[in-house]
Amino acid sequence: MVTKRKIQRKCVDFDGNIFKPQAIPMKDIEYVNLTKEEITAIYYADYEGYRQVKSAELMGISQASFSRDLAIAHKKIASALFDVKALLFVKEPIEKLQEENTKVKK
């Protein structure tokens, strides 16, 4: 069972709502939700090149939580690339997504 997060995480602001393969209409493609926490983890670790401890400090969370967010984000991005899915960037709080169970669209 998923429990609600107790900490308010500090996340980066980003532009964009979706990243999808070219020439495939949105109605014909599955998508994967990336939460703002997962996008922030990717930003700090992969784009900025910070180590996990520094990234976790910037987000105001533990290194273990950061590591978990990063691993989940990497898995979702790999799934989108290799299974030809769109990435949907969700800016809503993570609790709403957990209640919806990250819908998959056909």
Protein backbone atom coordinates (compact mmCIF):
# COMPACT_ATOMS: atom_id res chain seq x y z
CA MET A 1 0.00 0.00 0.00
CA VAL A 2 1.27 3.44 -0.90
CA THR A 3 1.48 5.99 1.89
CA LYS A 4 1.37 9.75 1.41
CA ARG A 5 4.70 11.55 1.52
CA LYS A 6 5.28 13.53 4.67
CA ILE A 7 7.88 15.92 3.28
CA GLN A 8 7.30 18.80 0.91
CA ARG A 9 9.95 18.35 -1.77
CA LYS A 10 11.65 21.25 -3.49
CA CYS A 11 11.25 20.69 -7.23
CA VAL A 12 12.50 22.57 -10.28
CA ASP A 13 10.15 24.44 -12.59
CA PHE A 14 10.10 23.18 -16.14
CA ASP A 15 8.38 24.02 -19.39
CA GLY A 16 6.55 21.48 -21.46
CA ASN A 17 3.83 18.96 -20.94
CA ILE A 18 4.71 16.04 -23.14
CA PHE A 19 7.54 14.46 -25.09
CA LYS A 20 6.48 11.93 -27.71
CA PRO A 21 7.72 10.13 -30.79
CA GLN A 22 7.26 12.13 -33.96
CA ALA A 23 4.52 11.24 -36.47
CA ILE A 24 2.45 9.17 -34.03
CA PRO A 25 -0.82 10.83 -33.01
CA MET A 26 -1.38 11.10 -29.26
CA LYS A 27 -4.60 9.08 -29.53
CA ASP A 28 -2.62 6.11 -30.90
CA ILE A 29 0.19 6.02 -28.36
CA GLU A 30 0.59 4.83 -24.78
CA TYR A 31 2.15 7.21 -22.31
CA VAL A 32 4.16 7.16 -19.11
CA ASN A 33 3.65 9.76 -16.36
CA LEU A 34 6.76 11.47 -14.99
CA THR A 35 6.11 13.33 -11.74
CA LYS A 36 7.74 16.64 -10.87
CA GLU A 37 9.85 14.81 -8.27
CA GLU A 38 11.15 12.37 -10.88
CA ILE A 39 11.89 15.17 -13.35
CA THR A 40 13.76 17.07 -10.63
CA ALA A 41 15.81 13.96 -9.81
CA ILE A 42 16.74 13.58 -13.50
CA TYR A 43 17.57 17.30 -13.71
CA TYR A 44 19.95 17.32 -10.74
CA ALA A 45 21.62 13.95 -11.35
CA ASP A 46 21.82 13.75 -15.14
CA TYR A 47 21.62 17.35 -16.39
CA GLU A 48 23.46 19.21 -13.62
CA GLY A 49 25.69 16.23 -12.76
CA TYR A 50 25.29 16.55 -9.00
CA ARG A 51 25.94 13.56 -6.75
CA GLN A 52 22.96 12.02 -4.99
CA VAL A 53 23.75 13.53 -1.58
CA LYS A 54 23.93 17.08 -3.00
CA SER A 55 20.78 16.53 -5.10
CA ALA A 56 18.88 15.20 -2.10
CA GLU A 57 19.90 18.26 -0.05
CA LEU A 58 18.64 20.56 -2.80
CA MET A 59 15.30 18.73 -2.84
CA GLY A 60 15.07 18.62 0.96
CA ILE A 61 14.83 14.81 1.12
CA SER A 62 17.01 11.87 2.14
CA GLN A 63 19.55 10.34 -0.21
CA ALA A 64 17.57 7.08 -0.18
CA SER A 65 14.39 8.87 -1.31
CA PHE A 66 16.32 10.68 -4.02
CA SER A 67 17.88 7.43 -5.21
CA ARG A 68 14.43 5.81 -5.41
CA ASP A 69 12.99 8.76 -7.40
CA LEU A 70 15.94 8.66 -9.78
CA ALA A 71 15.69 4.90 -10.35
CA ILE A 72 11.95 5.14 -11.04
CA ALA A 73 12.51 8.04 -13.47
CA HIS A 74 15.25 6.15 -15.33
CA LYS A 75 13.01 3.08 -15.66
CA LYS A 76 10.08 5.15 -16.97
CA ILE A 77 12.26 6.97 -19.52
CA ALA A 78 13.79 3.69 -20.73
CA SER A 79 10.30 2.22 -21.07
CA ALA A 80 9.19 5.22 -23.15
CA LEU A 81 12.23 5.01 -25.42
CA PHE A 82 12.27 1.27 -26.02
CA ASP A 83 8.53 0.60 -25.99
CA VAL A 84 7.75 3.73 -28.10
CA LYS A 85 5.62 5.59 -25.55
CA ALA A 86 5.12 9.28 -24.84
CA LEU A 87 6.40 10.92 -21.64
CA LEU A 88 3.73 12.98 -19.92
CA PHE A 89 5.12 15.55 -17.47
CA VAL A 90 2.74 15.84 -14.53
CA LYS A 91 3.04 18.91 -12.31
CA GLU A 92 0.33 17.87 -9.84
CA PRO A 93 1.24 16.65 -6.37
CA ILE A 94 2.32 13.02 -6.32
CA GLU A 95 -0.55 12.02 -4.01
CA LYS A 96 -3.10 12.67 -6.79
CA LEU A 97 -1.18 10.42 -9.15
CA GLN A 98 -0.97 7.62 -6.61
CA GLU A 99 -4.73 7.74 -6.19
CA GLU A 100 -5.23 7.51 -9.96
CA ASN A 101 -2.67 4.66 -10.24
CA THR A 102 -0.95 6.33 -13.24
CA LYS A 103 -3.43 5.59 -16.02
CA VAL A 104 -2.11 4.05 -19.23
CA LYS A 105 -3.83 5.19 -22.37
CA LYS A 106 -4.31 2.96 -25.42
